[in-house]
Amino acid sequence: MGQQRPAATRRSWPRWLPLLSVAAAIVLAPMAGLGANAATGPDETGPSDEVLAEGADVYSTVCSGCHQPGGVGVSGSFPPLIDNPNVADAAYVDDVIRNGRSGVIEVNGETYDGVMPAQSTLGDDEIAAVIAYVQSGFQAPAGEVADVAGGPVAGTELPALANYAWIVGLLIAAGFAALVLAPRVIAAHDRRTLGWTDAWLKTAVIVVGLVVATVIVPARVLEFETVQDLPRAVQDLIAVGIWTAALVASLLALWYAHREDRI
């Protein structure tokens, strides 16, 4: 008969669970960030205010004389652009702007038979901007909203402060938690006698720290307006750099804590 493993050895495997949890957090943290980016998608926010402003300027100068402000058109003469199903096809609109169009067209049950000349003086950026403006439903750029002179409107200051209240509350709660739990989290110990409560407490701190450092921090940095104005390749490089630095720093901290018998 084969020799059976000692009972103490068979029961020791659960002690590896905290280490496995940390390893899983390291592996899954970047995947969580990628999943969030895939869910939102790069085009979810739509055209920027700068693009809409340029498109509105081009439309007002070149297009509104026929298609009228707001794209309402002129019945029997110039087809409307608002609620026009053809406008949804950016390639079609681009071709019409560049090359012109003539012949019969039906829009919303009404027939038009005219000639639109090619707008050969428009550049690629201007054409792309006016298409974005028209496809947005003639959305007014944020920059076109007139500033009202005077101080802030009554009642608008408190919600802005309230947006930070949860952050202050979270920091206060984290401070009290640190005062109570920090001695148990960072205290040196004998791994052979470490209790389950302390083991899981240390594991929770490590997992949360990794998630914050490798997922939340890079995501928040990418939300800064200065970063969003950069090319997409530069944004990706910044995100990868922050994630790599955070991961390396976390692993070094884990190595040091392990050497000092703190994890």
C-alpha atoms as a PDB file:
ATOM      1  CA  MET A   1       0.000   0.000   0.000  1.00  0.00           C
ATOM      2  CA  GLY A   2       1.199   3.510  -0.800  1.00  0.00           C
ATOM      3  CA  GLN A   3       2.139   5.830   1.983  1.00  0.00           C
ATOM      4  CA  GLN A   4      -0.655   8.286   2.890  1.00  0.00           C
ATOM      5  CA  ARG A   5       0.075  11.989   3.141  1.00  0.00           C
ATOM      6  CA  PRO A   6       0.081  13.342   6.704  1.00  0.00           C
ATOM      7  CA  ALA A   7      -3.200  14.896   7.771  1.00  0.00           C
ATOM      8  CA  ALA A   8      -1.459  18.182   8.626  1.00  0.00           C
ATOM      9  CA  THR A   9      -0.162  18.435   5.050  1.00  0.00           C
ATOM     10  CA  ARG A  10      -3.583  17.742   3.569  1.00  0.00           C
ATOM     11  CA  ARG A  11      -5.122  20.479   5.717  1.00  0.00           C
ATOM     12  CA  SER A  12      -2.442  23.045   4.892  1.00  0.00           C
ATOM     13  CA  TRP A  13      -3.657  23.790   1.346  1.00  0.00           C
ATOM     14  CA  PRO A  14      -6.223  26.453   2.431  1.00  0.00           C
ATOM     15  CA  ARG A  15      -3.335  28.605   3.654  1.00  0.00           C
ATOM     16  CA  TRP A  16      -2.425  29.161   0.002  1.00  0.00           C
ATOM     17  CA  LEU A  17      -5.811  30.799  -0.724  1.00  0.00           C
ATOM     18  CA  PRO A  18      -4.667  34.365   0.163  1.00  0.00           C
ATOM     19  CA  LEU A  19      -1.673  34.028  -2.173  1.00  0.00           C
ATOM     20  CA  LEU A  20      -3.916  32.685  -4.947  1.00  0.00           C
ATOM     21  CA  SER A  21      -6.287  35.635  -4.453  1.00  0.00           C
ATOM     22  CA  VAL A  22      -3.428  38.114  -4.870  1.00  0.00           C
ATOM     23  CA  ALA A  23      -2.237  36.325  -8.021  1.00  0.00           C
ATOM     24  CA  ALA A  24      -5.772  36.412  -9.460  1.00  0.00           C
ATOM     25  CA  ALA A  25      -6.013  40.145  -8.768  1.00  0.00           C
ATOM     26  CA  ILE A  26      -2.720  40.772 -10.591  1.00  0.00           C
ATOM     27  CA  VAL A  27      -3.915  38.797 -13.625  1.00  0.00           C
ATOM     28  CA  LEU A  28      -7.487  40.152 -13.778  1.00  0.00           C
ATOM     29  CA  ALA A  29      -6.845  43.830 -12.970  1.00  0.00           C
ATOM     30  CA  PRO A  30      -5.667  44.831 -16.487  1.00  0.00           C
ATOM     31  CA  MET A  31      -8.476  42.759 -18.006  1.00  0.00           C
ATOM     32  CA  ALA A  32     -11.000  44.785 -15.996  1.00  0.00           C
ATOM     33  CA  GLY A  33      -9.584  47.997 -17.448  1.00  0.00           C
ATOM     34  CA  LEU A  34      -9.719  46.604 -20.981  1.00  0.00           C
ATOM     35  CA  GLY A  35     -13.290  45.468 -20.430  1.00  0.00           C
ATOM     36  CA  ALA A  36     -14.326  48.936 -19.320  1.00  0.00           C
ATOM     37  CA  ASN A  37     -12.740  50.492 -22.417  1.00  0.00           C
ATOM     38  CA  ALA A  38     -14.443  47.957 -24.680  1.00  0.00           C
ATOM     39  CA  ALA A  39     -17.808  48.626 -23.059  1.00  0.00           C
ATOM     40  CA  THR A  40     -17.643  52.365 -23.518  1.00  0.00           C
ATOM     41  CA  GLY A  41     -15.993  52.365 -26.968  1.00  0.00           C
ATOM     42  CA  PRO A  42     -13.950  55.175 -28.464  1.00  0.00           C
ATOM     43  CA  ASP A  43     -16.835  56.932 -30.251  1.00  0.00           C
ATOM     44  CA  GLU A  44     -19.464  56.896 -27.499  1.00  0.00           C
ATOM     45  CA  THR A  45     -18.940  60.555 -26.625  1.00  0.00           C
ATOM     46  CA  GLY A  46     -19.615  61.758 -30.203  1.00  0.00           C
ATOM     47  CA  PRO A  47     -17.915  64.698 -31.949  1.00  0.00           C
ATOM     48  CA  SER A  48     -16.121  67.261 -29.799  1.00  0.00           C
ATOM     49  CA  ASP A  49     -17.357  70.805 -29.315  1.00  0.00           C
ATOM     50  CA  GLU A  50     -14.501  72.037 -31.496  1.00  0.00           C
ATOM     51  CA  VAL A  51     -15.641  69.844 -34.396  1.00  0.00           C
ATOM     52  CA  LEU A  52     -19.276  70.885 -33.959  1.00  0.00           C
ATOM     53  CA  ALA A  53     -18.288  74.556 -33.841  1.00  0.00           C
ATOM     54  CA  GLU A  54     -16.287  74.234 -37.061  1.00  0.00           C
ATOM     55  CA  GLY A  55     -19.115  72.299 -38.710  1.00  0.00           C
ATOM     56  CA  ALA A  56     -21.666  74.928 -37.667  1.00  0.00           C
ATOM     57  CA  ASP A  57     -19.455  77.653 -39.123  1.00  0.00           C
ATOM     58  CA  VAL A  58     -19.052  75.800 -42.434  1.00  0.00           C
ATOM     59  CA  TYR A  59     -22.773  75.056 -42.622  1.00  0.00           C
ATOM     60  CA  SER A  60     -23.715  78.673 -41.901  1.00  0.00           C
ATOM     61  CA  THR A  61     -21.336  79.934 -44.591  1.00  0.00           C
ATOM     62  CA  VAL A  62     -21.807  77.374 -47.354  1.00  0.00           C
ATOM     63  CA  CYS A  63     -24.996  75.372 -46.819  1.00  0.00           C
ATOM     64  CA  SER A  64     -27.627  77.362 -44.950  1.00  0.00           C
ATOM     65  CA  GLY A  65     -28.462  79.598 -47.916  1.00  0.00           C
ATOM     66  CA  CYS A  66     -30.214  76.657 -49.588  1.00  0.00           C
ATOM     67  CA  HIS A  67     -30.887  74.111 -46.875  1.00  0.00           C
ATOM     68  CA  GLN A  68     -31.788  76.839 -44.370  1.00  0.00           C
ATOM     69  CA  PRO A  69     -30.670  77.181 -40.739  1.00  0.00           C
ATOM     70  CA  GLY A  70     -31.361  74.006 -38.837  1.00  0.00           C
ATOM     71  CA  GLY A  71     -31.491  72.012 -42.088  1.00  0.00           C
ATOM     72  CA  VAL A  72     -35.254  72.488 -42.558  1.00  0.00           C
ATOM     73  CA  GLY A  73     -34.877  73.000 -46.339  1.00  0.00           C
ATOM     74  CA  VAL A  74     -37.322  74.694 -48.682  1.00  0.00           C
ATOM     75  CA  SER A  75     -40.349  72.690 -49.774  1.00  0.00           C
ATOM     76  CA  GLY A  76     -40.158  71.761 -53.463  1.00  0.00           C
ATOM     77  CA  SER A  77     -36.739  73.381 -53.935  1.00  0.00           C
ATOM     78  CA  PHE A  78     -34.123  72.251 -51.451  1.00  0.00           C
ATOM     79  CA  PRO A  79     -34.550  69.012 -49.506  1.00  0.00           C
ATOM     80  CA  PRO A  80     -34.343  69.146 -45.718  1.00  0.00           C
ATOM     81  CA  LEU A  81     -31.315  67.679 -43.977  1.00  0.00           C
ATOM     82  CA  ILE A  82     -32.943  67.300 -40.582  1.00  0.00           C
ATOM     83  CA  ASP A  83     -34.700  63.917 -40.302  1.00  0.00           C
ATOM     84  CA  ASN A  84     -33.351  63.041 -43.754  1.00  0.00           C
ATOM     85  CA  PRO A  85     -32.454  59.307 -43.755  1.00  0.00           C
ATOM     86  CA  ASN A  86     -29.774  59.874 -46.425  1.00  0.00           C
ATOM     87  CA  VAL A  87     -27.791  62.002 -43.965  1.00  0.00           C
ATOM     88  CA  ALA A  88     -27.026  58.935 -41.838  1.00  0.00           C
ATOM     89  CA  ASP A  89     -24.690  57.685 -44.596  1.00  0.00           C
ATOM     90  CA  ALA A  90     -21.530  59.757 -44.067  1.00  0.00           C
ATOM     91  CA  ALA A  91     -19.891  58.409 -47.223  1.00  0.00           C
ATOM     92  CA  TYR A  92     -22.916  59.458 -49.320  1.00  0.00           C
ATOM     93  CA  VAL A  93     -22.952  62.958 -47.828  1.00  0.00           C
ATOM     94  CA  ASP A  94     -19.200  63.273 -48.336  1.00  0.00           C
ATOM     95  CA  ASP A  95     -19.570  62.315 -52.008  1.00  0.00           C
ATOM     96  CA  VAL A  96     -22.415  64.790 -52.573  1.00  0.00           C
ATOM     97  CA  ILE A  97     -20.434  67.638 -50.989  1.00  0.00           C
ATOM     98  CA  ARG A  98     -17.307  66.896 -53.013  1.00  0.00           C
ATOM     99  CA  ASN A  99     -18.882  66.025 -56.370  1.00  0.00           C
ATOM    100  CA  GLY A 100     -22.321  67.622 -56.275  1.00  0.00           C
ATOM    101  CA  ARG A 101     -25.594  65.951 -57.227  1.00  0.00           C
ATOM    102  CA  SER A 102     -28.400  66.356 -59.732  1.00  0.00           C
ATOM    103  CA  GLY A 103     -31.599  64.511 -60.508  1.00  0.00           C
ATOM    104  CA  VAL A 104     -34.719  63.395 -58.682  1.00  0.00           C
ATOM    105  CA  ILE A 105     -34.565  62.638 -54.978  1.00  0.00           C
ATOM    106  CA  GLU A 106     -37.368  61.844 -52.556  1.00  0.00           C
ATOM    107  CA  VAL A 107     -37.131  62.900 -48.929  1.00  0.00           C
ATOM    108  CA  ASN A 108     -39.894  62.222 -46.422  1.00  0.00           C
ATOM    109  CA  GLY A 109     -42.471  61.681 -49.160  1.00  0.00           C
ATOM    110  CA  GLU A 110     -41.662  64.851 -51.111  1.00  0.00           C
ATOM    111  CA  THR A 111     -39.860  64.859 -54.480  1.00  0.00           C
ATOM    112  CA  TYR A 112     -37.053  67.269 -55.328  1.00  0.00           C
ATOM    113  CA  ASP A 113     -35.390  67.729 -58.704  1.00  0.00           C
ATOM    114  CA  GLY A 114     -32.561  70.206 -58.559  1.00  0.00           C
ATOM    115  CA  VAL A 115     -28.812  70.587 -58.825  1.00  0.00           C
ATOM    116  CA  MET A 116     -26.341  70.883 -55.984  1.00  0.00           C
ATOM    117  CA  PRO A 117     -22.923  72.107 -57.134  1.00  0.00           C
ATOM    118  CA  ALA A 118     -19.711  70.513 -55.872  1.00  0.00           C
ATOM    119  CA  GLN A 119     -18.149  72.357 -52.943  1.00  0.00           C
ATOM    120  CA  SER A 120     -14.594  72.046 -54.185  1.00  0.00           C
ATOM    121  CA  THR A 121     -13.267  74.823 -51.941  1.00  0.00           C
ATOM    122  CA  LEU A 122     -13.864  72.845 -48.749  1.00  0.00           C
ATOM    123  CA  GLY A 123     -10.999  70.902 -47.209  1.00  0.00           C
ATOM    124  CA  ASP A 124     -11.192  67.414 -45.743  1.00  0.00           C
ATOM    125  CA  ASP A 125     -11.431  68.659 -42.155  1.00  0.00           C
ATOM    126  CA  GLU A 126     -14.194  71.118 -43.051  1.00  0.00           C
ATOM    127  CA  ILE A 127     -16.203  68.421 -44.826  1.00  0.00           C
ATOM    128  CA  ALA A 128     -15.792  66.005 -41.909  1.00  0.00           C
ATOM    129  CA  ALA A 129     -16.832  68.729 -39.460  1.00  0.00           C
ATOM    130  CA  VAL A 130     -19.962  69.772 -41.360  1.00  0.00           C
ATOM    131  CA  ILE A 131     -21.004  66.114 -41.742  1.00  0.00           C
ATOM    132  CA  ALA A 132     -20.589  65.617 -37.984  1.00  0.00           C
ATOM    133  CA  TYR A 133     -22.618  68.755 -37.334  1.00  0.00           C
ATOM    134  CA  VAL A 134     -25.452  67.711 -39.639  1.00  0.00           C
ATOM    135  CA  GLN A 135     -25.479  64.120 -38.352  1.00  0.00           C
ATOM    136  CA  SER A 136     -25.634  65.416 -34.759  1.00  0.00           C
ATOM    137  CA  GLY A 137     -29.027  66.931 -35.594  1.00  0.00           C
ATOM    138  CA  PHE A 138     -27.571  70.455 -35.781  1.00  0.00           C
ATOM    139  CA  GLN A 139     -26.510  70.240 -32.162  1.00  0.00           C
ATOM    140  CA  ALA A 140     -25.293  73.569 -30.832  1.00  0.00           C
ATOM    141  CA  PRO A 141     -21.676  73.411 -29.615  1.00  0.00           C
ATOM    142  CA  ALA A 142     -21.231  74.069 -25.922  1.00  0.00           C
ATOM    143  CA  GLY A 143     -19.022  77.051 -26.730  1.00  0.00           C
ATOM    144  CA  GLU A 144     -21.934  78.855 -28.389  1.00  0.00           C
ATOM    145  CA  VAL A 145     -23.885  79.188 -25.145  1.00  0.00           C
ATOM    146  CA  ALA A 146     -23.697  82.822 -24.123  1.00  0.00           C
ATOM    147  CA  ASP A 147     -22.120  83.561 -20.741  1.00  0.00           C
ATOM    148  CA  VAL A 148     -24.460  85.376 -18.389  1.00  0.00           C
ATOM    149  CA  ALA A 149     -22.851  88.327 -16.675  1.00  0.00           C
ATOM    150  CA  GLY A 150     -22.841  88.431 -12.914  1.00  0.00           C
ATOM    151  CA  GLY A 151     -22.155  85.966 -10.123  1.00  0.00           C
ATOM    152  CA  PRO A 152     -23.200  82.328  -9.898  1.00  0.00           C
ATOM    153  CA  VAL A 153     -26.864  81.444  -9.962  1.00  0.00           C
ATOM    154  CA  ALA A 154     -28.278  80.852  -6.514  1.00  0.00           C
ATOM    155  CA  GLY A 155     -28.199  77.186  -5.550  1.00  0.00           C
ATOM    156  CA  THR A 156     -25.489  76.156  -7.993  1.00  0.00           C
ATOM    157  CA  GLU A 157     -22.573  76.242  -5.555  1.00  0.00           C
ATOM    158  CA  LEU A 158     -23.846  73.659  -3.060  1.00  0.00           C
ATOM    159  CA  PRO A 159     -24.122  70.694  -5.477  1.00  0.00           C
ATOM    160  CA  ALA A 160     -20.539  71.332  -6.615  1.00  0.00           C
ATOM    161  CA  LEU A 161     -19.372  71.105  -3.006  1.00  0.00           C
ATOM    162  CA  ALA A 162     -21.598  68.109  -2.434  1.00  0.00           C
ATOM    163  CA  ASN A 163     -19.776  66.262  -5.198  1.00  0.00           C
ATOM    164  CA  TYR A 164     -16.704  66.281  -2.965  1.00  0.00           C
ATOM    165  CA  ALA A 165     -18.513  65.351   0.240  1.00  0.00           C
ATOM    166  CA  TRP A 166     -18.371  61.618  -0.453  1.00  0.00           C
ATOM    167  CA  ILE A 167     -14.637  61.881  -1.104  1.00  0.00           C
ATOM    168  CA  VAL A 168     -14.083  63.627   2.223  1.00  0.00           C
ATOM    169  CA  GLY A 169     -16.268  61.061   3.990  1.00  0.00           C
ATOM    170  CA  LEU A 170     -14.383  58.221   2.343  1.00  0.00           C
ATOM    171  CA  LEU A 171     -11.034  59.691   3.374  1.00  0.00           C
ATOM    172  CA  ILE A 172     -12.228  60.094   6.967  1.00  0.00           C
ATOM    173  CA  ALA A 173     -13.516  56.520   7.054  1.00  0.00           C
ATOM    174  CA  ALA A 174     -10.267  55.262   5.518  1.00  0.00           C
ATOM    175  CA  GLY A 175      -8.307  57.188   8.153  1.00  0.00           C
ATOM    176  CA  PHE A 176     -10.215  55.606  11.035  1.00  0.00           C
ATOM    177  CA  ALA A 177      -9.922  52.173   9.415  1.00  0.00           C
ATOM    178  CA  ALA A 178      -6.178  52.669   9.034  1.00  0.00           C
ATOM    179  CA  LEU A 179      -5.800  53.610  12.679  1.00  0.00           C
ATOM    180  CA  VAL A 180      -7.615  50.460  13.761  1.00  0.00           C
ATOM    181  CA  LEU A 181      -6.384  47.941  11.208  1.00  0.00           C
ATOM    182  CA  ALA A 182      -2.930  49.183  10.202  1.00  0.00           C
ATOM    183  CA  PRO A 183      -1.148  47.592  13.179  1.00  0.00           C
ATOM    184  CA  ARG A 184      -2.573  44.197  12.239  1.00  0.00           C
ATOM    185  CA  VAL A 185      -1.927  44.636   8.502  1.00  0.00           C
ATOM    186  CA  ILE A 186       1.712  45.718   8.659  1.00  0.00           C
ATOM    187  CA  ALA A 187       2.798  43.898  11.814  1.00  0.00           C
ATOM    188  CA  ALA A 188       5.495  41.236  11.466  1.00  0.00           C
ATOM    189  CA  HIS A 189       4.349  37.699  12.194  1.00  0.00           C
ATOM    190  CA  ASP A 190       5.253  34.043  12.116  1.00  0.00           C
ATOM    191  CA  ARG A 191       3.643  32.533   8.992  1.00  0.00           C
ATOM    192  CA  ARG A 192       3.201  29.216  10.774  1.00  0.00           C
ATOM    193  CA  THR A 193       0.943  30.785  13.409  1.00  0.00           C
ATOM    194  CA  LEU A 194      -0.777  33.526  11.364  1.00  0.00           C
ATOM    195  CA  GLY A 195      -4.505  33.504  12.032  1.00  0.00           C
ATOM    196  CA  TRP A 196      -7.079  33.350   9.267  1.00  0.00           C
ATOM    197  CA  THR A 197      -8.510  36.770  10.139  1.00  0.00           C
ATOM    198  CA  ASP A 198      -5.150  38.496   9.766  1.00  0.00           C
ATOM    199  CA  ALA A 199      -4.356  36.503   6.607  1.00  0.00           C
ATOM    200  CA  TRP A 200      -7.544  37.553   4.850  1.00  0.00           C
ATOM    201  CA  LEU A 201      -7.218  41.130   6.114  1.00  0.00           C
ATOM    202  CA  LYS A 202      -3.755  41.400   4.584  1.00  0.00           C
ATOM    203  CA  THR A 203      -5.048  39.791   1.381  1.00  0.00           C
ATOM    204  CA  ALA A 204      -7.936  42.269   1.132  1.00  0.00           C
ATOM    205  CA  VAL A 205      -5.575  45.224   1.498  1.00  0.00           C
ATOM    206  CA  ILE A 206      -3.267  43.825  -1.194  1.00  0.00           C
ATOM    207  CA  VAL A 207      -6.106  43.118  -3.665  1.00  0.00           C
ATOM    208  CA  VAL A 208      -7.770  46.511  -3.172  1.00  0.00           C
ATOM    209  CA  GLY A 209      -4.414  48.251  -3.495  1.00  0.00           C
ATOM    210  CA  LEU A 210      -3.657  46.458  -6.763  1.00  0.00           C
ATOM    211  CA  VAL A 211      -7.073  47.305  -8.221  1.00  0.00           C
ATOM    212  CA  VAL A 212      -6.747  50.968  -7.265  1.00  0.00           C
ATOM    213  CA  ALA A 213      -3.181  51.254  -8.574  1.00  0.00           C
ATOM    214  CA  THR A 214      -3.616  49.345 -11.853  1.00  0.00           C
ATOM    215  CA  VAL A 215      -7.247  50.081 -12.814  1.00  0.00           C
ATOM    216  CA  ILE A 216      -8.745  53.115 -11.078  1.00  0.00           C
ATOM    217  CA  VAL A 217      -5.701  55.408 -11.184  1.00  0.00           C
ATOM    218  CA  PRO A 218      -4.974  54.909 -14.939  1.00  0.00           C
ATOM    219  CA  ALA A 219      -8.680  55.369 -15.744  1.00  0.00           C
ATOM    220  CA  ARG A 220      -8.866  58.616 -13.779  1.00  0.00           C
ATOM    221  CA  VAL A 221      -5.700  59.970 -15.405  1.00  0.00           C
ATOM    222  CA  LEU A 222      -7.177  59.317 -18.864  1.00  0.00           C
ATOM    223  CA  GLU A 223     -10.241  61.385 -17.900  1.00  0.00           C
ATOM    224  CA  PHE A 224      -8.167  64.556 -17.491  1.00  0.00           C
ATOM    225  CA  GLU A 225      -8.977  67.049 -20.244  1.00  0.00           C
ATOM    226  CA  THR A 226      -5.281  67.608 -20.965  1.00  0.00           C
ATOM    227  CA  VAL A 227      -4.788  63.889 -21.590  1.00  0.00           C
ATOM    228  CA  GLN A 228      -7.966  63.568 -23.688  1.00  0.00           C
ATOM    229  CA  ASP A 229      -6.661  66.267 -26.053  1.00  0.00           C
ATOM    230  CA  LEU A 230      -3.634  64.112 -26.859  1.00  0.00           C
ATOM    231  CA  PRO A 231      -3.575  61.609 -29.768  1.00  0.00           C
ATOM    232  CA  ARG A 232      -5.022  58.182 -28.995  1.00  0.00           C
ATOM    233  CA  ALA A 233      -1.606  56.503 -29.314  1.00  0.00           C
ATOM    234  CA  VAL A 234      -0.169  58.849 -26.679  1.00  0.00           C
ATOM    235  CA  GLN A 235      -3.126  58.175 -24.380  1.00  0.00           C
ATOM    236  CA  ASP A 236      -2.559  54.440 -24.696  1.00  0.00           C
ATOM    237  CA  LEU A 237       1.143  54.904 -23.988  1.00  0.00           C
ATOM    238  CA  ILE A 238       0.358  56.927 -20.856  1.00  0.00           C
ATOM    239  CA  ALA A 239      -2.119  54.300 -19.625  1.00  0.00           C
ATOM    240  CA  VAL A 240       0.333  51.447 -20.209  1.00  0.00           C
ATOM    241  CA  GLY A 241       3.126  53.400 -18.520  1.00  0.00           C
ATOM    242  CA  ILE A 242       1.049  54.154 -15.424  1.00  0.00           C
ATOM    243  CA  TRP A 243      -0.194  50.560 -15.207  1.00  0.00           C
ATOM    244  CA  THR A 244       3.323  49.146 -15.587  1.00  0.00           C
ATOM    245  CA  ALA A 245       4.778  51.510 -12.985  1.00  0.00           C
ATOM    246  CA  ALA A 246       1.952  50.720 -10.546  1.00  0.00           C
ATOM    247  CA  LEU A 247       2.354  46.976 -11.052  1.00  0.00           C
ATOM    248  CA  VAL A 248       6.130  47.083 -10.586  1.00  0.00           C
ATOM    249  CA  ALA A 249       5.796  49.248  -7.470  1.00  0.00           C
ATOM    250  CA  SER A 250       3.160  46.871  -6.051  1.00  0.00           C
ATOM    251  CA  LEU A 251       5.319  43.812  -6.667  1.00  0.00           C
ATOM    252  CA  LEU A 252       8.329  45.489  -5.051  1.00  0.00           C
ATOM    253  CA  ALA A 253       6.198  46.391  -2.029  1.00  0.00           C
ATOM    254  CA  LEU A 254       4.970  42.798  -1.790  1.00  0.00           C
ATOM    255  CA  TRP A 255       8.527  41.483  -2.034  1.00  0.00           C
ATOM    256  CA  TYR A 256       9.707  43.812   0.731  1.00  0.00           C
ATOM    257  CA  ALA A 257       6.754  42.981   2.989  1.00  0.00           C
ATOM    258  CA  HIS A 258       7.318  39.260   2.436  1.00  0.00           C
ATOM    259  CA  ARG A 259      11.006  39.607   3.285  1.00  0.00           C
ATOM    260  CA  GLU A 260      10.122  41.368   6.539  1.00  0.00           C
ATOM    261  CA  ASP A 261       7.552  38.652   7.415  1.00  0.00           C
ATOM    262  CA  ARG A 262       4.675  41.125   7.075  1.00  0.00           C
ATOM    263  CA  ILE A 263       2.698  39.088   4.535  1.00  0.00           C
END
